[in-house]
Amino acid sequence: MGEVTSIAVARGADLVSFEGERLQLLKKRIMPGAPEAEIANFIEFCRTKGLDPFAKQIYAVSRRERNGDQWTTKWVYQIGIDGYRSIAHRTGRFDGMSPPEWCGPDGQWHEVWTEKAPPFAARVTVYLKGARHGFSAVAHFGEYVQRKRNGDANSMWARMPANQLLKCAEAAALRRAFPELQGTYTDDEMAAADVEDAEIVEEQTQAEEQVETTRRRIAATGSLAELTAIVEAARASSDDPETLKEAGSKLEAWVAANPEEASGSLEKATRKAIGIVTGEDPDEVLALWRERGEAEQALQSEENGE
């Protein structure tokens, strides 16, 4: 798909333009590294919902997914609570909400939460013009709180647990009242999924750093014993085929440069390493590598007139 150069999105009575500097800002700040097709999809989604990402009504969140040995990036669109409110007001059917309510483990509801401990749940009711009843939703703290790896609530949920939980309850109530919002979720509701993605990315980054470190060790060493150890470690930790291939090339180069030494009894671990990097019988591979090394040495001697 060609590069997106200009597009406008209707936002209520206004027109949100994606062109020039604003389009470049979208590409660099909101969706960095996203392909043009994905950017066009996001802009079309904004147009359909009438939302402005620059007003933080909607977000594009990249997630890393693992499929076997391959990692791919998937873009997910999350509507902010302000986006939910905007859609609700623009329908012309919105008729207000109940005062917010929170409760503790005792089940007693309060319009103001004054406890230091987080509330157990929050409740909101949305009203529609002409409707005979309201649309209520209850959000439980344990189901929505965003936690860090150690299990503690993250900084936002630790500082403002009542407010964060209220937004989740409000979003759920608005979704029940307005079919236009069905199938969508706010960034606050999807926070737990974002934490999981962050941990996946962190694990992937650590794995990539491990592979890069191993490759630098392979390139720097000329020791047969160290090459053997590197292969065993790479096989046990990352099992990265390219890393093993590089180690195999270095082992082959060592055997070719030292055919006489390689013709002796190599350590069992080294023979095992050769089998790992080639996937073949190590004795057969060694014989082939030695033949190549001897042939190269013979050719070099001829060229030197020896």
C-alpha atoms as a PDB file:
ATOM      1  CA  MET A   1       0.000   0.000   0.000  1.00  0.00           C
ATOM      2  CA  GLY A   2       1.268   3.532  -0.809  1.00  0.00           C
ATOM      3  CA  GLU A   3       2.200   6.090   1.814  1.00  0.00           C
ATOM      4  CA  VAL A   4      -0.667   7.803   3.631  1.00  0.00           C
ATOM      5  CA  THR A   5      -0.319  11.531   2.885  1.00  0.00           C
ATOM      6  CA  SER A   6      -3.594  13.173   3.935  1.00  0.00           C
ATOM      7  CA  ILE A   7      -6.919  12.292   5.517  1.00  0.00           C
ATOM      8  CA  ALA A   8      -9.583  14.022   7.612  1.00  0.00           C
ATOM      9  CA  VAL A   9     -11.703  12.559  10.386  1.00  0.00           C
ATOM     10  CA  ALA A  10     -15.076  13.893  11.474  1.00  0.00           C
ATOM     11  CA  ARG A  11     -15.232  14.523  15.238  1.00  0.00           C
ATOM     12  CA  GLY A  12     -18.718  15.651  16.055  1.00  0.00           C
ATOM     13  CA  ALA A  13     -19.142  19.003  14.334  1.00  0.00           C
ATOM     14  CA  ASP A  14     -15.376  19.384  13.907  1.00  0.00           C
ATOM     15  CA  LEU A  15     -12.984  17.926  11.396  1.00  0.00           C
ATOM     16  CA  VAL A  16      -9.787  16.283  12.596  1.00  0.00           C
ATOM     17  CA  SER A  17      -7.166  16.532   9.877  1.00  0.00           C
ATOM     18  CA  PHE A  18      -4.329  14.070   9.360  1.00  0.00           C
ATOM     19  CA  GLU A  19      -1.977  15.824   6.996  1.00  0.00           C
ATOM     20  CA  GLY A  20       1.385  17.494   6.983  1.00  0.00           C
ATOM     21  CA  GLU A  21       2.946  17.785  10.433  1.00  0.00           C
ATOM     22  CA  ARG A  22      -0.003  16.143  12.195  1.00  0.00           C
ATOM     23  CA  LEU A  23       0.256  13.064  10.008  1.00  0.00           C
ATOM     24  CA  GLN A  24       3.997  12.861  10.612  1.00  0.00           C
ATOM     25  CA  LEU A  25       3.355  13.264  14.342  1.00  0.00           C
ATOM     26  CA  LEU A  26       0.877  10.379  14.192  1.00  0.00           C
ATOM     27  CA  LYS A  27       3.478   8.188  12.509  1.00  0.00           C
ATOM     28  CA  LYS A  28       6.345   9.138  14.824  1.00  0.00           C
ATOM     29  CA  ARG A  29       4.653   9.543  18.220  1.00  0.00           C
ATOM     30  CA  ILE A  30       1.439   7.529  18.166  1.00  0.00           C
ATOM     31  CA  MET A  31       2.343   4.638  15.834  1.00  0.00           C
ATOM     32  CA  PRO A  32       6.158   4.571  15.514  1.00  0.00           C
ATOM     33  CA  GLY A  33       7.370   1.868  13.177  1.00  0.00           C
ATOM     34  CA  ALA A  34       3.868   0.908  12.028  1.00  0.00           C
ATOM     35  CA  PRO A  35       3.447  -0.042   8.349  1.00  0.00           C
ATOM     36  CA  GLU A  36       1.493   2.330   6.120  1.00  0.00           C
ATOM     37  CA  ALA A  37      -1.412  -0.118   5.842  1.00  0.00           C
ATOM     38  CA  GLU A  38      -1.761  -0.252   9.634  1.00  0.00           C
ATOM     39  CA  ILE A  39      -1.665   3.541   9.877  1.00  0.00           C
ATOM     40  CA  ALA A  40      -4.406   3.774   7.256  1.00  0.00           C
ATOM     41  CA  ASN A  41      -6.483   1.202   9.189  1.00  0.00           C
ATOM     42  CA  PHE A  42      -6.110   3.190  12.406  1.00  0.00           C
ATOM     43  CA  ILE A  43      -7.131   6.445  10.726  1.00  0.00           C
ATOM     44  CA  GLU A  44     -10.156   4.709   9.216  1.00  0.00           C
ATOM     45  CA  PHE A  45     -11.100   3.366  12.665  1.00  0.00           C
ATOM     46  CA  CYS A  46     -10.795   6.911  14.059  1.00  0.00           C
ATOM     47  CA  ARG A  47     -13.005   8.161  11.207  1.00  0.00           C
ATOM     48  CA  THR A  48     -15.622   5.468  11.856  1.00  0.00           C
ATOM     49  CA  LYS A  49     -15.781   6.252  15.579  1.00  0.00           C
ATOM     50  CA  GLY A  50     -15.288  10.013  15.181  1.00  0.00           C
ATOM     51  CA  LEU A  51     -12.370  10.077  17.629  1.00  0.00           C
ATOM     52  CA  ASP A  52      -9.202  12.152  17.797  1.00  0.00           C
ATOM     53  CA  PRO A  53      -5.989  10.388  18.934  1.00  0.00           C
ATOM     54  CA  PHE A  54      -4.315  13.767  19.564  1.00  0.00           C
ATOM     55  CA  ALA A  55      -6.993  14.515  22.184  1.00  0.00           C
ATOM     56  CA  LYS A  56      -6.248  11.132  23.785  1.00  0.00           C
ATOM     57  CA  GLN A  57      -9.701   9.859  22.906  1.00  0.00           C
ATOM     58  CA  ILE A  58      -8.209   6.767  21.290  1.00  0.00           C
ATOM     59  CA  TYR A  59      -4.849   4.973  21.371  1.00  0.00           C
ATOM     60  CA  ALA A  60      -2.963   2.624  19.069  1.00  0.00           C
ATOM     61  CA  VAL A  61      -1.031   0.094  21.161  1.00  0.00           C
ATOM     62  CA  SER A  62       1.573  -2.258  19.693  1.00  0.00           C
ATOM     63  CA  ARG A  63       1.771  -5.758  21.098  1.00  0.00           C
ATOM     64  CA  ARG A  64       4.385  -8.436  20.510  1.00  0.00           C
ATOM     65  CA  GLU A  65       3.106 -11.924  19.782  1.00  0.00           C
ATOM     66  CA  ARG A  66       5.196 -15.058  19.500  1.00  0.00           C
ATOM     67  CA  ASN A  67       4.420 -17.656  16.858  1.00  0.00           C
ATOM     68  CA  GLY A  68       6.906 -20.472  17.281  1.00  0.00           C
ATOM     69  CA  ASP A  69      10.372 -18.922  16.913  1.00  0.00           C
ATOM     70  CA  GLN A  70       9.034 -15.792  15.235  1.00  0.00           C
ATOM     71  CA  TRP A  71       7.907 -12.537  16.883  1.00  0.00           C
ATOM     72  CA  THR A  72       5.311 -10.321  15.213  1.00  0.00           C
ATOM     73  CA  THR A  73       3.818  -6.940  16.103  1.00  0.00           C
ATOM     74  CA  LYS A  74       0.058  -6.578  16.376  1.00  0.00           C
ATOM     75  CA  TRP A  75      -1.605  -3.164  16.690  1.00  0.00           C
ATOM     76  CA  VAL A  76      -4.635  -2.885  18.981  1.00  0.00           C
ATOM     77  CA  TYR A  77      -6.928   0.150  19.158  1.00  0.00           C
ATOM     78  CA  GLN A  78      -8.101   1.218  22.621  1.00  0.00           C
ATOM     79  CA  ILE A  79     -10.652   3.963  23.238  1.00  0.00           C
ATOM     80  CA  GLY A  80      -9.980   6.228  26.213  1.00  0.00           C
ATOM     81  CA  ILE A  81     -12.732   7.096  28.688  1.00  0.00           C
ATOM     82  CA  ASP A  82     -12.949  10.560  27.077  1.00  0.00           C
ATOM     83  CA  GLY A  83     -13.580   8.831  23.761  1.00  0.00           C
ATOM     84  CA  TYR A  84     -16.385   6.792  25.317  1.00  0.00           C
ATOM     85  CA  ARG A  85     -17.958   9.947  26.727  1.00  0.00           C
ATOM     86  CA  SER A  86     -17.667  11.734  23.382  1.00  0.00           C
ATOM     87  CA  ILE A  87     -19.412   8.914  21.520  1.00  0.00           C
ATOM     88  CA  ALA A  88     -22.155   8.748  24.146  1.00  0.00           C
ATOM     89  CA  HIS A  89     -22.849  12.506  24.025  1.00  0.00           C
ATOM     90  CA  ARG A  90     -22.880  12.597  20.213  1.00  0.00           C
ATOM     91  CA  THR A  91     -25.649  10.011  20.015  1.00  0.00           C
ATOM     92  CA  GLY A  92     -28.098  12.493  21.499  1.00  0.00           C
ATOM     93  CA  ARG A  93     -29.497   9.714  23.708  1.00  0.00           C
ATOM     94  CA  PHE A  94     -27.260  10.214  26.724  1.00  0.00           C
ATOM     95  CA  ASP A  95     -29.221  11.441  29.759  1.00  0.00           C
ATOM     96  CA  GLY A  96     -26.553  11.541  32.460  1.00  0.00           C
ATOM     97  CA  MET A  97     -25.086   9.180  35.038  1.00  0.00           C
ATOM     98  CA  SER A  98     -25.605   8.374  38.689  1.00  0.00           C
ATOM     99  CA  PRO A  99     -23.149   9.700  41.261  1.00  0.00           C
ATOM    100  CA  PRO A 100     -20.142   7.376  41.525  1.00  0.00           C
ATOM    101  CA  GLU A 101     -20.216   4.753  44.249  1.00  0.00           C
ATOM    102  CA  TRP A 102     -17.586   2.601  45.887  1.00  0.00           C
ATOM    103  CA  CYS A 103     -17.799  -0.205  48.400  1.00  0.00           C
ATOM    104  CA  GLY A 104     -15.479  -2.145  50.673  1.00  0.00           C
ATOM    105  CA  PRO A 105     -15.507  -5.866  51.445  1.00  0.00           C
ATOM    106  CA  ASP A 106     -18.566  -5.261  53.669  1.00  0.00           C
ATOM    107  CA  GLY A 107     -20.692  -4.421  50.603  1.00  0.00           C
ATOM    108  CA  GLN A 108     -21.739  -0.996  51.905  1.00  0.00           C
ATOM    109  CA  TRP A 109     -21.832   1.601  49.090  1.00  0.00           C
ATOM    110  CA  HIS A 110     -20.412   5.141  49.535  1.00  0.00           C
ATOM    111  CA  GLU A 111     -20.501   8.184  47.248  1.00  0.00           C
ATOM    112  CA  VAL A 112     -17.057   9.221  48.495  1.00  0.00           C
ATOM    113  CA  TRP A 113     -14.208   6.795  49.154  1.00  0.00           C
ATOM    114  CA  THR A 114     -12.175   7.961  52.156  1.00  0.00           C
ATOM    115  CA  GLU A 115     -10.300   4.811  53.119  1.00  0.00           C
ATOM    116  CA  LYS A 116      -6.556   4.459  52.536  1.00  0.00           C
ATOM    117  CA  ALA A 117      -7.041   0.916  51.266  1.00  0.00           C
ATOM    118  CA  PRO A 118      -8.351   0.541  47.695  1.00  0.00           C
ATOM    119  CA  PRO A 119     -12.110   0.072  47.294  1.00  0.00           C
ATOM    120  CA  PHE A 120     -13.391  -3.443  46.735  1.00  0.00           C
ATOM    121  CA  ALA A 121     -15.647  -2.343  43.830  1.00  0.00           C
ATOM    122  CA  ALA A 122     -17.039   0.697  42.009  1.00  0.00           C
ATOM    123  CA  ARG A 123     -20.526   1.165  40.523  1.00  0.00           C
ATOM    124  CA  VAL A 124     -21.968   3.517  37.891  1.00  0.00           C
ATOM    125  CA  THR A 125     -25.408   3.733  36.255  1.00  0.00           C
ATOM    126  CA  VAL A 126     -25.915   5.373  32.845  1.00  0.00           C
ATOM    127  CA  TYR A 127     -29.300   6.786  31.809  1.00  0.00           C
ATOM    128  CA  LEU A 128     -30.738   7.108  28.307  1.00  0.00           C
ATOM    129  CA  LYS A 129     -33.463   9.456  27.158  1.00  0.00           C
ATOM    130  CA  GLY A 130     -36.744   7.586  26.932  1.00  0.00           C
ATOM    131  CA  ALA A 131     -35.399   4.441  28.603  1.00  0.00           C
ATOM    132  CA  ARG A 132     -37.436   2.943  31.437  1.00  0.00           C
ATOM    133  CA  HIS A 133     -34.363   1.874  33.427  1.00  0.00           C
ATOM    134  CA  GLY A 134     -30.720   2.692  33.835  1.00  0.00           C
ATOM    135  CA  PHE A 135     -27.715   0.652  32.718  1.00  0.00           C
ATOM    136  CA  SER A 136     -25.510  -0.247  35.679  1.00  0.00           C
ATOM    137  CA  ALA A 137     -22.083  -1.847  35.863  1.00  0.00           C
ATOM    138  CA  VAL A 138     -19.886  -2.907  38.764  1.00  0.00           C
ATOM    139  CA  ALA A 139     -16.095  -3.132  38.458  1.00  0.00           C
ATOM    140  CA  HIS A 140     -14.161  -5.164  41.019  1.00  0.00           C
ATOM    141  CA  PHE A 141     -10.703  -3.982  41.997  1.00  0.00           C
ATOM    142  CA  GLY A 142      -9.164  -7.455  41.817  1.00  0.00           C
ATOM    143  CA  GLU A 143     -10.308  -7.886  38.212  1.00  0.00           C
ATOM    144  CA  TYR A 144      -9.041  -4.562  36.849  1.00  0.00           C
ATOM    145  CA  VAL A 145      -6.033  -3.469  38.906  1.00  0.00           C
ATOM    146  CA  GLN A 146      -2.848  -3.210  36.873  1.00  0.00           C
ATOM    147  CA  ARG A 147      -0.010  -4.911  38.699  1.00  0.00           C
ATOM    148  CA  LYS A 148       3.740  -4.931  38.318  1.00  0.00           C
ATOM    149  CA  ARG A 149       5.752  -8.107  37.995  1.00  0.00           C
ATOM    150  CA  ASN A 150       6.135  -8.372  41.782  1.00  0.00           C
ATOM    151  CA  GLY A 151       2.366  -8.266  42.295  1.00  0.00           C
ATOM    152  CA  ASP A 152       2.114  -4.697  43.606  1.00  0.00           C
ATOM    153  CA  ALA A 153      -0.284  -2.226  41.990  1.00  0.00           C
ATOM    154  CA  ASN A 154       1.446   0.035  39.467  1.00  0.00           C
ATOM    155  CA  SER A 155       2.009   3.710  40.278  1.00  0.00           C
ATOM    156  CA  MET A 156      -1.285   4.996  38.849  1.00  0.00           C
ATOM    157  CA  TRP A 157      -3.426   2.347  40.562  1.00  0.00           C
ATOM    158  CA  ALA A 158      -1.460   2.785  43.810  1.00  0.00           C
ATOM    159  CA  ARG A 159      -1.967   6.575  43.830  1.00  0.00           C
ATOM    160  CA  MET A 160      -5.568   6.757  42.593  1.00  0.00           C
ATOM    161  CA  PRO A 161      -7.232   3.339  42.965  1.00  0.00           C
ATOM    162  CA  ALA A 162     -10.754   4.748  43.429  1.00  0.00           C
ATOM    163  CA  ASN A 163     -10.507   6.937  40.322  1.00  0.00           C
ATOM    164  CA  GLN A 164      -9.017   4.188  38.145  1.00  0.00           C
ATOM    165  CA  LEU A 165     -11.667   1.691  39.213  1.00  0.00           C
ATOM    166  CA  LEU A 166     -14.440   4.242  38.645  1.00  0.00           C
ATOM    167  CA  LYS A 167     -13.342   4.755  35.037  1.00  0.00           C
ATOM    168  CA  CYS A 168     -13.558   1.000  34.438  1.00  0.00           C
ATOM    169  CA  ALA A 169     -17.080   0.891  35.893  1.00  0.00           C
ATOM    170  CA  GLU A 170     -18.132   3.905  33.833  1.00  0.00           C
ATOM    171  CA  ALA A 171     -16.784   2.359  30.638  1.00  0.00           C
ATOM    172  CA  ALA A 172     -18.647  -0.896  31.306  1.00  0.00           C
ATOM    173  CA  ALA A 173     -21.905   0.979  31.974  1.00  0.00           C
ATOM    174  CA  LEU A 174     -21.547   3.093  28.826  1.00  0.00           C
ATOM    175  CA  ARG A 175     -20.879  -0.039  26.797  1.00  0.00           C
ATOM    176  CA  ARG A 176     -24.076  -1.614  28.099  1.00  0.00           C
ATOM    177  CA  ALA A 177     -26.088   1.492  27.261  1.00  0.00           C
ATOM    178  CA  PHE A 178     -24.683   2.219  23.796  1.00  0.00           C
ATOM    179  CA  PRO A 179     -24.423  -0.478  21.109  1.00  0.00           C
ATOM    180  CA  GLU A 180     -21.925   1.806  19.339  1.00  0.00           C
ATOM    181  CA  LEU A 181     -19.384   0.866  22.009  1.00  0.00           C
ATOM    182  CA  GLN A 182     -19.903  -2.875  22.029  1.00  0.00           C
ATOM    183  CA  GLY A 183     -16.793  -4.856  21.140  1.00  0.00           C
ATOM    184  CA  THR A 184     -14.465  -2.051  22.283  1.00  0.00           C
ATOM    185  CA  TYR A 185     -12.544  -1.589  25.533  1.00  0.00           C
ATOM    186  CA  THR A 186     -10.846   1.364  27.159  1.00  0.00           C
ATOM    187  CA  ASP A 187      -7.151   1.672  27.847  1.00  0.00           C
ATOM    188  CA  ASP A 188      -7.834   1.382  31.591  1.00  0.00           C
ATOM    189  CA  GLU A 189      -9.678  -1.919  31.118  1.00  0.00           C
ATOM    190  CA  MET A 190      -6.917  -3.304  28.910  1.00  0.00           C
ATOM    191  CA  ALA A 191      -4.126  -2.326  31.302  1.00  0.00           C
ATOM    192  CA  ALA A 192      -3.527  -5.870  32.548  1.00  0.00           C
ATOM    193  CA  ALA A 193      -3.007  -7.074  28.977  1.00  0.00           C
ATOM    194  CA  ASP A 194      -0.522  -4.243  28.411  1.00  0.00           C
ATOM    195  CA  VAL A 195       1.498  -5.381  31.454  1.00  0.00           C
ATOM    196  CA  GLU A 196       1.630  -8.909  30.064  1.00  0.00           C
ATOM    197  CA  ASP A 197       2.806  -7.573  26.701  1.00  0.00           C
ATOM    198  CA  ALA A 198       5.465  -5.461  28.395  1.00  0.00           C
ATOM    199  CA  GLU A 199       6.770  -8.548  30.188  1.00  0.00           C
ATOM    200  CA  ILE A 200       6.817 -10.480  26.900  1.00  0.00           C
ATOM    201  CA  VAL A 201       8.783  -7.690  25.226  1.00  0.00           C
ATOM    202  CA  GLU A 202      11.180  -7.606  28.181  1.00  0.00           C
ATOM    203  CA  GLU A 203      11.730 -11.357  27.939  1.00  0.00           C
ATOM    204  CA  GLN A 204      12.244 -11.085  24.201  1.00  0.00           C
ATOM    205  CA  THR A 205      14.743  -8.236  24.655  1.00  0.00           C
ATOM    206  CA  GLN A 206      16.691 -10.266  27.198  1.00  0.00           C
ATOM    207  CA  ALA A 207      16.750 -13.238  24.826  1.00  0.00           C
ATOM    208  CA  GLU A 208      17.969 -11.048  21.956  1.00  0.00           C
ATOM    209  CA  GLU A 209      20.684  -9.553  24.160  1.00  0.00           C
ATOM    210  CA  GLN A 210      21.769 -13.048  25.169  1.00  0.00           C
ATOM    211  CA  VAL A 211      22.024 -14.093  21.514  1.00  0.00           C
ATOM    212  CA  GLU A 212      24.017 -10.949  20.628  1.00  0.00           C
ATOM    213  CA  THR A 213      26.422 -11.560  23.506  1.00  0.00           C
ATOM    214  CA  THR A 214      26.919 -15.143  22.372  1.00  0.00           C
ATOM    215  CA  ARG A 215      27.609 -14.028  18.812  1.00  0.00           C
ATOM    216  CA  ARG A 216      30.247 -11.546  19.990  1.00  0.00           C
ATOM    217  CA  ARG A 217      31.931 -14.312  21.995  1.00  0.00           C
ATOM    218  CA  ILE A 218      31.951 -16.564  18.944  1.00  0.00           C
ATOM    219  CA  ALA A 219      33.508 -13.867  16.780  1.00  0.00           C
ATOM    220  CA  ALA A 220      36.195 -13.057  19.357  1.00  0.00           C
ATOM    221  CA  THR A 221      37.366 -16.516  20.346  1.00  0.00           C
ATOM    222  CA  GLY A 222      39.831 -18.894  18.704  1.00  0.00           C
ATOM    223  CA  SER A 223      39.721 -21.444  21.495  1.00  0.00           C
ATOM    224  CA  LEU A 224      38.243 -24.820  20.696  1.00  0.00           C
ATOM    225  CA  ALA A 225      37.273 -25.345  24.332  1.00  0.00           C
ATOM    226  CA  GLU A 226      35.460 -22.014  24.500  1.00  0.00           C
ATOM    227  CA  LEU A 227      33.658 -22.653  21.209  1.00  0.00           C
ATOM    228  CA  THR A 228      32.494 -25.972  22.609  1.00  0.00           C
ATOM    229  CA  ALA A 229      31.213 -24.291  25.780  1.00  0.00           C
ATOM    230  CA  ILE A 230      29.474 -21.568  23.755  1.00  0.00           C
ATOM    231  CA  VAL A 231      27.629 -24.122  21.659  1.00  0.00           C
ATOM    232  CA  GLU A 232      26.460 -26.017  24.729  1.00  0.00           C
ATOM    233  CA  ALA A 233      25.246 -22.778  26.383  1.00  0.00           C
ATOM    234  CA  ALA A 234      23.500 -21.530  23.239  1.00  0.00           C
ATOM    235  CA  ARG A 235      21.771 -24.872  22.797  1.00  0.00           C
ATOM    236  CA  ALA A 236      20.571 -24.861  26.405  1.00  0.00           C
ATOM    237  CA  SER A 237      19.407 -21.227  26.576  1.00  0.00           C
ATOM    238  CA  SER A 238      18.265 -19.729  23.267  1.00  0.00           C
ATOM    239  CA  ASP A 239      18.593 -22.534  20.744  1.00  0.00           C
ATOM    240  CA  ASP A 240      18.967 -19.749  18.168  1.00  0.00           C
ATOM    241  CA  PRO A 241      19.667 -21.409  14.795  1.00  0.00           C
ATOM    242  CA  GLU A 242      21.699 -18.472  13.451  1.00  0.00           C
ATOM    243  CA  THR A 243      23.890 -18.423  16.547  1.00  0.00           C
ATOM    244  CA  LEU A 244      24.519 -22.146  16.272  1.00  0.00           C
ATOM    245  CA  LYS A 245      25.263 -21.705  12.573  1.00  0.00           C
ATOM    246  CA  GLU A 246      27.883 -19.056  13.353  1.00  0.00           C
ATOM    247  CA  ALA A 247      29.428 -21.313  15.978  1.00  0.00           C
ATOM    248  CA  GLY A 248      29.477 -24.150  13.460  1.00  0.00           C
ATOM    249  CA  SER A 249      31.304 -21.976  10.931  1.00  0.00           C
ATOM    250  CA  LYS A 250      33.924 -21.091  13.539  1.00  0.00           C
ATOM    251  CA  LEU A 251      34.361 -24.752  14.501  1.00  0.00           C
ATOM    252  CA  GLU A 252      34.739 -25.705  10.856  1.00  0.00           C
ATOM    253  CA  ALA A 253      37.343 -22.970  10.391  1.00  0.00           C
ATOM    254  CA  TRP A 254      39.300 -24.273  13.394  1.00  0.00           C
ATOM    255  CA  VAL A 255      39.271 -27.857  12.065  1.00  0.00           C
ATOM    256  CA  ALA A 256      40.285 -26.665   8.590  1.00  0.00           C
ATOM    257  CA  ALA A 257      43.173 -24.687  10.067  1.00  0.00           C
ATOM    258  CA  ASN A 258      44.280 -27.581  12.297  1.00  0.00           C
ATOM    259  CA  PRO A 259      43.519 -30.786  10.343  1.00  0.00           C
ATOM    260  CA  GLU A 260      46.305 -32.782  11.975  1.00  0.00           C
ATOM    261  CA  GLU A 261      45.196 -31.873  15.498  1.00  0.00           C
ATOM    262  CA  ALA A 262      41.591 -32.494  14.543  1.00  0.00           C
ATOM    263  CA  SER A 263      42.481 -35.929  13.223  1.00  0.00           C
ATOM    264  CA  GLY A 264      43.377 -36.961  16.753  1.00  0.00           C
ATOM    265  CA  SER A 265      40.967 -37.775  19.509  1.00  0.00           C
ATOM    266  CA  LEU A 266      38.892 -34.642  20.095  1.00  0.00           C
ATOM    267  CA  GLU A 267      37.077 -34.183  23.355  1.00  0.00           C
ATOM    268  CA  LYS A 268      33.670 -35.853  23.542  1.00  0.00           C
ATOM    269  CA  ALA A 269      32.070 -32.492  24.295  1.00  0.00           C
ATOM    270  CA  THR A 270      33.560 -30.990  21.119  1.00  0.00           C
ATOM    271  CA  ARG A 271      32.270 -33.858  19.008  1.00  0.00           C
ATOM    272  CA  LYS A 272      28.850 -33.371  20.596  1.00  0.00           C
ATOM    273  CA  ALA A 273      29.020 -29.637  19.802  1.00  0.00           C
ATOM    274  CA  ILE A 274      29.775 -30.418  16.156  1.00  0.00           C
ATOM    275  CA  GLY A 275      26.760 -32.711  16.053  1.00  0.00           C
ATOM    276  CA  ILE A 276      24.579 -29.966  17.560  1.00  0.00           C
ATOM    277  CA  VAL A 277      25.553 -27.243  15.096  1.00  0.00           C
ATOM    278  CA  THR A 278      25.359 -29.475  12.017  1.00  0.00           C
ATOM    279  CA  GLY A 279      22.605 -31.899  12.940  1.00  0.00           C
ATOM    280  CA  GLU A 280      24.702 -34.692  11.420  1.00  0.00           C
ATOM    281  CA  ASP A 281      27.072 -37.453  12.562  1.00  0.00           C
ATOM    282  CA  PRO A 282      30.070 -35.604  14.067  1.00  0.00           C
ATOM    283  CA  ASP A 283      32.650 -38.151  12.862  1.00  0.00           C
ATOM    284  CA  GLU A 284      31.482 -37.808   9.263  1.00  0.00           C
ATOM    285  CA  VAL A 285      31.429 -34.021   9.554  1.00  0.00           C
ATOM    286  CA  LEU A 286      34.931 -34.000  11.062  1.00  0.00           C
ATOM    287  CA  ALA A 287      36.290 -36.150   8.234  1.00  0.00           C
ATOM    288  CA  LEU A 288      34.790 -33.767   5.664  1.00  0.00           C
ATOM    289  CA  TRP A 289      36.137 -30.683   7.432  1.00  0.00           C
ATOM    290  CA  ARG A 290      39.609 -32.201   7.718  1.00  0.00           C
ATOM    291  CA  GLU A 291      39.644 -33.074   4.013  1.00  0.00           C
ATOM    292  CA  ARG A 292      38.734 -29.501   3.168  1.00  0.00           C
ATOM    293  CA  GLY A 293      41.432 -28.180   5.489  1.00  0.00           C
ATOM    294  CA  GLU A 294      44.104 -30.465   4.053  1.00  0.00           C
ATOM    295  CA  ALA A 295      43.093 -29.519   0.515  1.00  0.00           C
ATOM    296  CA  GLU A 296      43.281 -25.812   1.357  1.00  0.00           C
ATOM    297  CA  GLN A 297      46.699 -26.241   2.948  1.00  0.00           C
ATOM    298  CA  ALA A 298      47.956 -28.186  -0.062  1.00  0.00           C
ATOM    299  CA  LEU A 299      46.686 -25.483  -2.414  1.00  0.00           C
ATOM    300  CA  GLN A 300      48.313 -22.795  -0.295  1.00  0.00           C
ATOM    301  CA  SER A 301      51.630 -24.660  -0.375  1.00  0.00           C
ATOM    302  CA  GLU A 302      51.487 -24.878  -4.164  1.00  0.00           C
ATOM    303  CA  GLU A 303      50.796 -21.168  -4.437  1.00  0.00           C
ATOM    304  CA  ASN A 304      53.777 -20.457  -2.172  1.00  0.00           C
ATOM    305  CA  GLY A 305      56.003 -22.750  -4.240  1.00  0.00           C
ATOM    306  CA  GLU A 306      56.696 -25.119  -1.384  1.00  0.00           C
END
